[in-house]
Each structure stands twice: as C-alpha cells, then as structure tokens.
Amino acid sequence: MNALDPQPELVLFDLDDTLCDYASARWLRLRIAFDQALDRLPRRPSVDLDTLARESIEMHPHGVDHFHELLARHDVEHREAVEHAQHWYRTNRFYGLQLFPEALETLVATRRALPGRRIGMITNGPAETQRAKIELLGILPYFDFILISGEFGVAKPDRQIFDEATNRGTAGPESSVFVGDSPEFDMAGARNVGMPAVWMNPGGQQWSNPDPRPGYEARNLGEVRALLGGDLERDSR
C-alpha cells in the first residue's frame, strides 16, 4: 500500500472499532450476560446466545433497558434473571475491551514518520465512559488532544467538532486525515469539512452508504500505518 503524498500534518483517529475492538467486547459481554440470565431460570430454554446478542444490538446498540422486551420474545419473562443480566452487563462495561493489534505501534510510527506531526482523537459518547476507556487502554500519552462529544457538546458527523480538531491541531482540513470505521459518523464528518479520510474496514464490507466512498480504505492498522508513512519511517531507521 502506497503512502499518502503529501503526508498529512494532522492525523485524527476514531476510538471504538478503529483503535480498540469495541464490537467484539460488546458481543462477548452480551453473550455472558444472557448466558447468566438463562442459567438462573428453573429450566434453561434452548435459546441461541448469538441470536440474542444480534437481536440486542439491532434493538439498541448500547444499554440494557431493552433486555426485558428482548428476552420476552423468547419466552423468558423471569424478572430476577433479566435484572441479573442487566446488572452484570452494566458492572462489567469494559469486559474484554482491548486495543487492536498494532494500535500502539501505529500511533508511535505515525508520529515519527513526519517531524512536527500532530495526532488527535475524535470520539462520540458520554464523557465519563470514553475517558474511562482511554485510561483503561493506556493511550492518553499518545495524543496531543482528544475531543469527546459528551464533553464538547457536539458529535460526529457535525462539522463543529472537526473544525475544533483542526484548530487544536493547527492544520487545515486539506492537510489532515481522519481514520475511522463508521460511514455515518466518521466518513461523513470528514467529508463535511473537506478532509481526506481512511475507512477502517477489517471485515471487507461493501460500501453501501449513499454518500461517496472515501478515498482510502484499510483492512487493519498495519495498512493505516503504511498510508501514513509509518512503514517508511521504520524502514529508514
């Protein structure tokens, strides 16, 4: 994969499902929560845990308030069991959350590849939740600044949060790049300010969004690092 030319002065990353594997951790947590709920029933029904996890995400991608309705669809109406699942899911909200392989290497190599380059993050979500994730993952020192929608008051894809990022990173949109996984929030937000974007697409999904496909696509952070000159920097040492 060829490096971008010219190389961006400011690199902006999304957090969830770009630097850390939120989707896998969420799936694991849902399976464990529902498994514990079914185990508390007088007679455990033959309900597939993957089906429950998938339907849960379809009903609401976050939260647990819908657990009662979801389990009732599968003839599970045991209040104590459902409340136990909700409590476990809330209490273990970061269970299984990990950085993707090469995340730290990519952040380090991205900075070193271009003298004076700045690195920032724009992430949607409640401030307390996202700050706790960042602390857990140990990535705060790798960034010059981090913008969280819950703190800033505006979420991706609104251009205000991208404008704030370019102001903090002292670079125009044309001299920046955004790396993220969401067509709806990440790619659309970058496009709103005229910023090049790299679509993180580890599953090789087809682009189905009505908006134009971004100019760059990566299957993993190694490919992101190559686009940002990190491999060239590593080879030159």
C-alpha atoms as a PDB file:
ATOM      1  CA  MET A   1       0.000   0.000   0.000  1.00  0.00           C
ATOM      2  CA  ASN A   2       1.473   3.347  -1.075  1.00  0.00           C
ATOM      3  CA  ALA A   3       1.940   6.139   1.443  1.00  0.00           C
ATOM      4  CA  LEU A   4      -0.160   9.274   1.107  1.00  0.00           C
ATOM      5  CA  ASP A   5       1.536  12.049  -0.841  1.00  0.00           C
ATOM      6  CA  PRO A   6       1.729  14.635   0.528  1.00  0.00           C
ATOM      7  CA  GLN A   7       1.705  13.278   4.062  1.00  0.00           C
ATOM      8  CA  PRO A   8      -0.867  14.890   6.415  1.00  0.00           C
ATOM      9  CA  GLU A   9       0.372  17.202   9.139  1.00  0.00           C
ATOM     10  CA  LEU A  10      -2.525  16.231  11.429  1.00  0.00           C
ATOM     11  CA  VAL A  11      -3.837  12.694  11.858  1.00  0.00           C
ATOM     12  CA  LEU A  12      -7.174  12.211  13.626  1.00  0.00           C
ATOM     13  CA  PHE A  13      -8.360   8.824  14.882  1.00  0.00           C
ATOM     14  CA  ASP A  14     -11.702   7.492  15.983  1.00  0.00           C
ATOM     15  CA  LEU A  15     -11.588   5.250  19.085  1.00  0.00           C
ATOM     16  CA  ASP A  16     -14.188   2.462  19.067  1.00  0.00           C
ATOM     17  CA  ASP A  17     -13.669  -0.179  16.360  1.00  0.00           C
ATOM     18  CA  THR A  18     -10.759   1.827  14.982  1.00  0.00           C
ATOM     19  CA  LEU A  19      -8.137   1.650  17.728  1.00  0.00           C
ATOM     20  CA  CYS A  20      -9.950  -0.734  20.080  1.00  0.00           C
ATOM     21  CA  ASP A  21     -12.177  -3.710  19.349  1.00  0.00           C
ATOM     22  CA  TYR A  22     -15.400  -2.478  20.886  1.00  0.00           C
ATOM     23  CA  ALA A  23     -17.630  -4.683  18.722  1.00  0.00           C
ATOM     24  CA  SER A  24     -16.037  -7.953  19.860  1.00  0.00           C
ATOM     25  CA  ALA A  25     -16.061  -6.876  23.502  1.00  0.00           C
ATOM     26  CA  ARG A  26     -19.736  -5.899  23.295  1.00  0.00           C
ATOM     27  CA  TRP A  27     -20.621  -9.224  21.682  1.00  0.00           C
ATOM     28  CA  LEU A  28     -18.792 -11.130  24.407  1.00  0.00           C
ATOM     29  CA  ARG A  29     -20.452  -9.137  27.174  1.00  0.00           C
ATOM     30  CA  LEU A  30     -23.912  -9.692  25.713  1.00  0.00           C
ATOM     31  CA  ARG A  31     -23.356 -13.428  25.407  1.00  0.00           C
ATOM     32  CA  ILE A  32     -22.148 -13.693  29.012  1.00  0.00           C
ATOM     33  CA  ALA A  33     -24.999 -11.555  30.351  1.00  0.00           C
ATOM     34  CA  PHE A  34     -27.668 -13.589  28.548  1.00  0.00           C
ATOM     35  CA  ASP A  35     -25.980 -16.870  29.450  1.00  0.00           C
ATOM     36  CA  GLN A  36     -26.122 -15.914  33.124  1.00  0.00           C
ATOM     37  CA  ALA A  37     -29.768 -14.930  32.799  1.00  0.00           C
ATOM     38  CA  LEU A  38     -30.701 -18.290  31.251  1.00  0.00           C
ATOM     39  CA  ASP A  39     -28.757 -20.154  33.922  1.00  0.00           C
ATOM     40  CA  ARG A  40     -30.901 -18.568  36.621  1.00  0.00           C
ATOM     41  CA  LEU A  41     -34.127 -19.974  35.190  1.00  0.00           C
ATOM     42  CA  PRO A  42     -35.767 -23.026  36.774  1.00  0.00           C
ATOM     43  CA  ARG A  43     -35.403 -24.734  33.414  1.00  0.00           C
ATOM     44  CA  ARG A  44     -32.963 -23.362  30.883  1.00  0.00           C
ATOM     45  CA  PRO A  45     -34.544 -22.881  27.415  1.00  0.00           C
ATOM     46  CA  SER A  46     -32.683 -23.695  24.216  1.00  0.00           C
ATOM     47  CA  VAL A  47     -32.103 -20.097  23.144  1.00  0.00           C
ATOM     48  CA  ASP A  48     -29.061 -19.359  20.993  1.00  0.00           C
ATOM     49  CA  LEU A  49     -26.786 -16.786  22.636  1.00  0.00           C
ATOM     50  CA  ASP A  50     -25.563 -15.399  19.315  1.00  0.00           C
ATOM     51  CA  THR A  51     -29.166 -14.815  18.276  1.00  0.00           C
ATOM     52  CA  LEU A  52     -29.825 -12.913  21.489  1.00  0.00           C
ATOM     53  CA  ALA A  53     -26.677 -10.817  21.043  1.00  0.00           C
ATOM     54  CA  ARG A  54     -27.531  -9.972  17.443  1.00  0.00           C
ATOM     55  CA  GLU A  55     -31.135  -9.047  18.246  1.00  0.00           C
ATOM     56  CA  SER A  56     -29.998  -6.972  21.220  1.00  0.00           C
ATOM     57  CA  ILE A  57     -27.703  -4.878  19.026  1.00  0.00           C
ATOM     58  CA  GLU A  58     -30.459  -4.479  16.429  1.00  0.00           C
ATOM     59  CA  MET A  59     -32.903  -3.264  19.074  1.00  0.00           C
ATOM     60  CA  HIS A  60     -30.422  -0.935  20.754  1.00  0.00           C
ATOM     61  CA  PRO A  61     -26.683  -0.889  20.073  1.00  0.00           C
ATOM     62  CA  HIS A  62     -25.949   0.215  23.643  1.00  0.00           C
ATOM     63  CA  GLY A  63     -27.594  -0.102  27.023  1.00  0.00           C
ATOM     64  CA  VAL A  64     -29.715  -2.738  28.739  1.00  0.00           C
ATOM     65  CA  ASP A  65     -33.197  -1.261  29.140  1.00  0.00           C
ATOM     66  CA  HIS A  66     -34.452  -3.392  26.248  1.00  0.00           C
ATOM     67  CA  PHE A  67     -33.372  -6.720  27.806  1.00  0.00           C
ATOM     68  CA  HIS A  68     -36.842  -7.391  29.261  1.00  0.00           C
ATOM     69  CA  GLU A  69     -38.535  -6.933  25.887  1.00  0.00           C
ATOM     70  CA  LEU A  70     -35.892  -8.935  24.039  1.00  0.00           C
ATOM     71  CA  LEU A  71     -35.954 -11.940  26.357  1.00  0.00           C
ATOM     72  CA  ALA A  72     -39.750 -11.902  26.467  1.00  0.00           C
ATOM     73  CA  ARG A  73     -39.675 -12.537  22.705  1.00  0.00           C
ATOM     74  CA  HIS A  74     -38.012 -15.835  23.539  1.00  0.00           C
ATOM     75  CA  ASP A  75     -40.481 -16.678  26.337  1.00  0.00           C
ATOM     76  CA  VAL A  76     -38.092 -15.627  29.096  1.00  0.00           C
ATOM     77  CA  GLU A  77     -40.070 -13.456  31.493  1.00  0.00           C
ATOM     78  CA  HIS A  78     -38.220 -14.130  34.732  1.00  0.00           C
ATOM     79  CA  ARG A  79     -37.648 -10.642  36.177  1.00  0.00           C
ATOM     80  CA  GLU A  80     -34.842 -11.616  38.538  1.00  0.00           C
ATOM     81  CA  ALA A  81     -32.920 -13.353  35.759  1.00  0.00           C
ATOM     82  CA  VAL A  82     -33.276 -10.397  33.406  1.00  0.00           C
ATOM     83  CA  GLU A  83     -32.249  -7.914  36.092  1.00  0.00           C
ATOM     84  CA  HIS A  84     -29.214 -10.054  36.857  1.00  0.00           C
ATOM     85  CA  ALA A  85     -28.190  -9.862  33.191  1.00  0.00           C
ATOM     86  CA  GLN A  86     -28.646  -6.108  33.188  1.00  0.00           C
ATOM     87  CA  HIS A  87     -26.588  -5.708  36.355  1.00  0.00           C
ATOM     88  CA  TRP A  88     -23.745  -7.883  35.062  1.00  0.00           C
ATOM     89  CA  TYR A  89     -23.604  -6.000  31.762  1.00  0.00           C
ATOM     90  CA  ARG A  90     -23.509  -2.597  33.476  1.00  0.00           C
ATOM     91  CA  THR A  91     -20.979  -3.655  36.104  1.00  0.00           C
ATOM     92  CA  ASN A  92     -18.605  -5.187  33.553  1.00  0.00           C
ATOM     93  CA  ARG A  93     -18.958  -2.489  30.922  1.00  0.00           C
ATOM     94  CA  PHE A  94     -15.359  -2.796  29.659  1.00  0.00           C
ATOM     95  CA  TYR A  95     -15.020  -6.568  29.957  1.00  0.00           C
ATOM     96  CA  GLY A  96     -12.902  -7.903  27.095  1.00  0.00           C
ATOM     97  CA  LEU A  97     -12.116  -4.466  25.656  1.00  0.00           C
ATOM     98  CA  GLN A  98      -8.662  -4.416  24.067  1.00  0.00           C
ATOM     99  CA  LEU A  99      -6.675  -2.405  21.583  1.00  0.00           C
ATOM    100  CA  PHE A 100      -6.377  -3.868  18.131  1.00  0.00           C
ATOM    101  CA  PRO A 101      -3.015  -5.482  17.374  1.00  0.00           C
ATOM    102  CA  GLU A 102      -0.501  -2.857  16.221  1.00  0.00           C
ATOM    103  CA  ALA A 103      -2.510   0.051  17.663  1.00  0.00           C
ATOM    104  CA  LEU A 104       0.310   1.428  19.790  1.00  0.00           C
ATOM    105  CA  GLU A 105       2.905   0.701  17.117  1.00  0.00           C
ATOM    106  CA  THR A 106       0.772   2.577  14.616  1.00  0.00           C
ATOM    107  CA  LEU A 107       0.377   5.611  16.872  1.00  0.00           C
ATOM    108  CA  VAL A 108       4.119   5.781  17.549  1.00  0.00           C
ATOM    109  CA  ALA A 109       5.156   5.229  13.930  1.00  0.00           C
ATOM    110  CA  THR A 110       2.562   7.703  12.653  1.00  0.00           C
ATOM    111  CA  ARG A 111       4.021  10.479  14.782  1.00  0.00           C
ATOM    112  CA  ARG A 112       7.634   9.660  13.983  1.00  0.00           C
ATOM    113  CA  ALA A 113       7.033   9.420  10.248  1.00  0.00           C
ATOM    114  CA  LEU A 114       6.716  13.207   9.844  1.00  0.00           C
ATOM    115  CA  PRO A 115       8.540  15.790  12.009  1.00  0.00           C
ATOM    116  CA  GLY A 116       6.079  18.053  13.795  1.00  0.00           C
ATOM    117  CA  ARG A 117       3.050  15.894  13.015  1.00  0.00           C
ATOM    118  CA  ARG A 118       0.169  16.158  15.492  1.00  0.00           C
ATOM    119  CA  ILE A 119      -2.159  13.312  16.478  1.00  0.00           C
ATOM    120  CA  GLY A 120      -5.674  13.779  17.797  1.00  0.00           C
ATOM    121  CA  MET A 121      -8.790  11.772  18.533  1.00  0.00           C
ATOM    122  CA  ILE A 122     -12.467  12.497  17.944  1.00  0.00           C
ATOM    123  CA  THR A 123     -14.829  10.032  19.616  1.00  0.00           C
ATOM    124  CA  ASN A 124     -18.568  10.036  20.182  1.00  0.00           C
ATOM    125  CA  GLY A 125     -20.020   9.027  23.516  1.00  0.00           C
ATOM    126  CA  PRO A 126     -20.541  10.083  27.129  1.00  0.00           C
ATOM    127  CA  ALA A 127     -17.503  11.835  28.556  1.00  0.00           C
ATOM    128  CA  GLU A 128     -17.137   9.582  31.598  1.00  0.00           C
ATOM    129  CA  THR A 129     -17.408   6.397  29.562  1.00  0.00           C
ATOM    130  CA  GLN A 130     -14.960   7.414  26.854  1.00  0.00           C
ATOM    131  CA  ARG A 131     -12.433   8.857  29.322  1.00  0.00           C
ATOM    132  CA  ALA A 132     -12.556   5.614  31.303  1.00  0.00           C
ATOM    133  CA  LYS A 133     -11.905   3.591  28.137  1.00  0.00           C
ATOM    134  CA  ILE A 134      -8.954   5.793  27.211  1.00  0.00           C
ATOM    135  CA  GLU A 135      -7.466   5.402  30.690  1.00  0.00           C
ATOM    136  CA  LEU A 136      -8.021   1.641  30.688  1.00  0.00           C
ATOM    137  CA  LEU A 137      -6.348   1.259  27.298  1.00  0.00           C
ATOM    138  CA  GLY A 138      -3.421   3.468  28.326  1.00  0.00           C
ATOM    139  CA  ILE A 139      -3.411   5.577  25.161  1.00  0.00           C
ATOM    140  CA  LEU A 140      -3.735   9.127  26.501  1.00  0.00           C
ATOM    141  CA  PRO A 141       0.019   9.896  26.226  1.00  0.00           C
ATOM    142  CA  TYR A 142      -0.015   9.113  22.500  1.00  0.00           C
ATOM    143  CA  PHE A 143      -2.316  12.042  21.632  1.00  0.00           C
ATOM    144  CA  ASP A 144      -1.842  15.779  21.512  1.00  0.00           C
ATOM    145  CA  PHE A 145      -5.535  16.266  22.199  1.00  0.00           C
ATOM    146  CA  ILE A 146      -8.746  14.253  22.490  1.00  0.00           C
ATOM    147  CA  LEU A 147     -12.243  15.503  21.687  1.00  0.00           C
ATOM    148  CA  ILE A 148     -15.181  13.613  23.190  1.00  0.00           C
ATOM    149  CA  SER A 149     -18.657  14.544  22.002  1.00  0.00           C
ATOM    150  CA  GLY A 150     -20.062  14.314  25.534  1.00  0.00           C
ATOM    151  CA  GLU A 151     -17.606  16.973  26.684  1.00  0.00           C
ATOM    152  CA  PHE A 152     -17.605  19.134  23.580  1.00  0.00           C
ATOM    153  CA  GLY A 153     -21.385  19.178  23.205  1.00  0.00           C
ATOM    154  CA  VAL A 154     -21.444  18.239  19.515  1.00  0.00           C
ATOM    155  CA  ALA A 155     -20.996  14.786  17.998  1.00  0.00           C
ATOM    156  CA  LYS A 156     -19.684  13.451  14.714  1.00  0.00           C
ATOM    157  CA  PRO A 157     -20.598  13.967  11.895  1.00  0.00           C
ATOM    158  CA  ASP A 158     -21.256  17.628  12.813  1.00  0.00           C
ATOM    159  CA  ARG A 159     -18.511  19.727  11.307  1.00  0.00           C
ATOM    160  CA  GLN A 160     -18.056  21.769  14.514  1.00  0.00           C
ATOM    161  CA  ILE A 161     -16.155  19.012  16.268  1.00  0.00           C
ATOM    162  CA  PHE A 162     -13.938  18.519  13.210  1.00  0.00           C
ATOM    163  CA  ASP A 163     -13.305  22.262  12.973  1.00  0.00           C
ATOM    164  CA  GLU A 164     -12.283  22.248  16.626  1.00  0.00           C
ATOM    165  CA  ALA A 165      -9.886  19.386  15.940  1.00  0.00           C
ATOM    166  CA  THR A 166      -8.179  21.209  13.082  1.00  0.00           C
ATOM    167  CA  ASN A 167      -7.924  24.332  15.244  1.00  0.00           C
ATOM    168  CA  ARG A 168      -6.263  22.393  18.047  1.00  0.00           C
ATOM    169  CA  GLY A 169      -4.058  20.555  15.587  1.00  0.00           C
ATOM    170  CA  THR A 170      -3.100  23.790  13.785  1.00  0.00           C
ATOM    171  CA  ALA A 171      -3.725  22.305  10.354  1.00  0.00           C
ATOM    172  CA  GLY A 172      -6.322  22.850   7.679  1.00  0.00           C
ATOM    173  CA  PRO A 173      -8.653  20.040   6.605  1.00  0.00           C
ATOM    174  CA  GLU A 174      -6.670  19.542   3.405  1.00  0.00           C
ATOM    175  CA  SER A 175      -3.504  18.967   5.469  1.00  0.00           C
ATOM    176  CA  SER A 176      -5.236  16.465   7.762  1.00  0.00           C
ATOM    177  CA  VAL A 177      -6.691  12.975   7.559  1.00  0.00           C
ATOM    178  CA  PHE A 178      -9.337  11.167   9.595  1.00  0.00           C
ATOM    179  CA  VAL A 179      -9.138   7.431  10.311  1.00  0.00           C
ATOM    180  CA  GLY A 180     -12.396   5.793  11.369  1.00  0.00           C
ATOM    181  CA  ASP A 181     -14.768   2.882  10.815  1.00  0.00           C
ATOM    182  CA  SER A 182     -18.215   4.482  10.599  1.00  0.00           C
ATOM    183  CA  PRO A 183     -19.526   5.670   7.223  1.00  0.00           C
ATOM    184  CA  GLU A 184     -22.329   7.520   9.012  1.00  0.00           C
ATOM    185  CA  PHE A 185     -20.250   9.389  11.585  1.00  0.00           C
ATOM    186  CA  ASP A 186     -16.558   9.241  10.670  1.00  0.00           C
ATOM    187  CA  MET A 187     -16.517   9.345   6.894  1.00  0.00           C
ATOM    188  CA  ALA A 188     -19.453  11.759   6.717  1.00  0.00           C
ATOM    189  CA  GLY A 189     -17.892  14.083   9.271  1.00  0.00           C
ATOM    190  CA  ALA A 190     -14.586  14.235   7.441  1.00  0.00           C
ATOM    191  CA  ARG A 191     -16.378  14.864   4.168  1.00  0.00           C
ATOM    192  CA  ASN A 192     -18.350  17.716   5.775  1.00  0.00           C
ATOM    193  CA  VAL A 193     -15.126  19.669   6.284  1.00  0.00           C
ATOM    194  CA  GLY A 194     -13.358  18.578   3.100  1.00  0.00           C
ATOM    195  CA  MET A 195     -10.905  16.326   4.936  1.00  0.00           C
ATOM    196  CA  PRO A 196      -9.425  13.172   3.380  1.00  0.00           C
ATOM    197  CA  ALA A 197     -10.447  10.008   5.224  1.00  0.00           C
ATOM    198  CA  VAL A 198      -9.309   6.424   5.663  1.00  0.00           C
ATOM    199  CA  TRP A 199     -12.141   3.929   6.099  1.00  0.00           C
ATOM    200  CA  MET A 200     -11.246   1.164   8.536  1.00  0.00           C
ATOM    201  CA  ASN A 201     -12.938  -1.889   7.057  1.00  0.00           C
ATOM    202  CA  PRO A 202     -11.437  -5.017   8.652  1.00  0.00           C
ATOM    203  CA  GLY A 203     -14.352  -7.207   7.587  1.00  0.00           C
ATOM    204  CA  GLY A 204     -14.110  -6.282   3.920  1.00  0.00           C
ATOM    205  CA  GLN A 205     -17.682  -4.973   3.852  1.00  0.00           C
ATOM    206  CA  GLN A 206     -19.152  -3.500   0.687  1.00  0.00           C
ATOM    207  CA  TRP A 207     -19.696   0.252   0.744  1.00  0.00           C
ATOM    208  CA  SER A 208     -23.475   0.644   0.988  1.00  0.00           C
ATOM    209  CA  ASN A 209     -23.761   4.215   2.225  1.00  0.00           C
ATOM    210  CA  PRO A 210     -25.422   6.616  -0.243  1.00  0.00           C
ATOM    211  CA  ASP A 211     -22.579   9.088   0.236  1.00  0.00           C
ATOM    212  CA  PRO A 212     -19.454   8.833  -1.913  1.00  0.00           C
ATOM    213  CA  ARG A 213     -16.920   6.198  -0.911  1.00  0.00           C
ATOM    214  CA  PRO A 214     -13.875   7.668   0.867  1.00  0.00           C
ATOM    215  CA  GLY A 215     -10.619   7.915  -0.997  1.00  0.00           C
ATOM    216  CA  TYR A 216      -8.758   5.374   1.132  1.00  0.00           C
ATOM    217  CA  GLU A 217      -9.581   2.044   2.752  1.00  0.00           C
ATOM    218  CA  ALA A 218      -7.613  -0.106   5.203  1.00  0.00           C
ATOM    219  CA  ARG A 219      -8.237  -3.627   6.467  1.00  0.00           C
ATOM    220  CA  ASN A 220      -6.032  -3.229   9.555  1.00  0.00           C
ATOM    221  CA  LEU A 221      -3.844  -0.740  11.377  1.00  0.00           C
ATOM    222  CA  GLY A 222      -0.771  -2.016   9.585  1.00  0.00           C
ATOM    223  CA  GLU A 223      -2.266  -0.694   6.348  1.00  0.00           C
ATOM    224  CA  VAL A 224      -3.113   2.591   8.075  1.00  0.00           C
ATOM    225  CA  ARG A 225       0.494   2.847   9.207  1.00  0.00           C
ATOM    226  CA  ALA A 226       1.678   2.303   5.644  1.00  0.00           C
ATOM    227  CA  LEU A 227      -0.615   5.052   4.347  1.00  0.00           C
ATOM    228  CA  LEU A 228       0.703   7.453   6.971  1.00  0.00           C
ATOM    229  CA  GLY A 229       4.354   6.790   6.213  1.00  0.00           C
ATOM    230  CA  GLY A 230       4.982   4.694   9.301  1.00  0.00           C
ATOM    231  CA  ASP A 231       6.491   1.787   7.400  1.00  0.00           C
ATOM    232  CA  LEU A 232       8.779   4.131   5.504  1.00  0.00           C
ATOM    233  CA  GLU A 233       9.916   5.638   8.808  1.00  0.00           C
ATOM    234  CA  ARG A 234      10.512   2.197  10.301  1.00  0.00           C
ATOM    235  CA  ASP A 235      12.495   1.017   7.285  1.00  0.00           C
ATOM    236  CA  SER A 236      14.720   4.094   7.383  1.00  0.00           C
ATOM    237  CA  ARG A 237      15.939   3.559  10.951  1.00  0.00           C
END
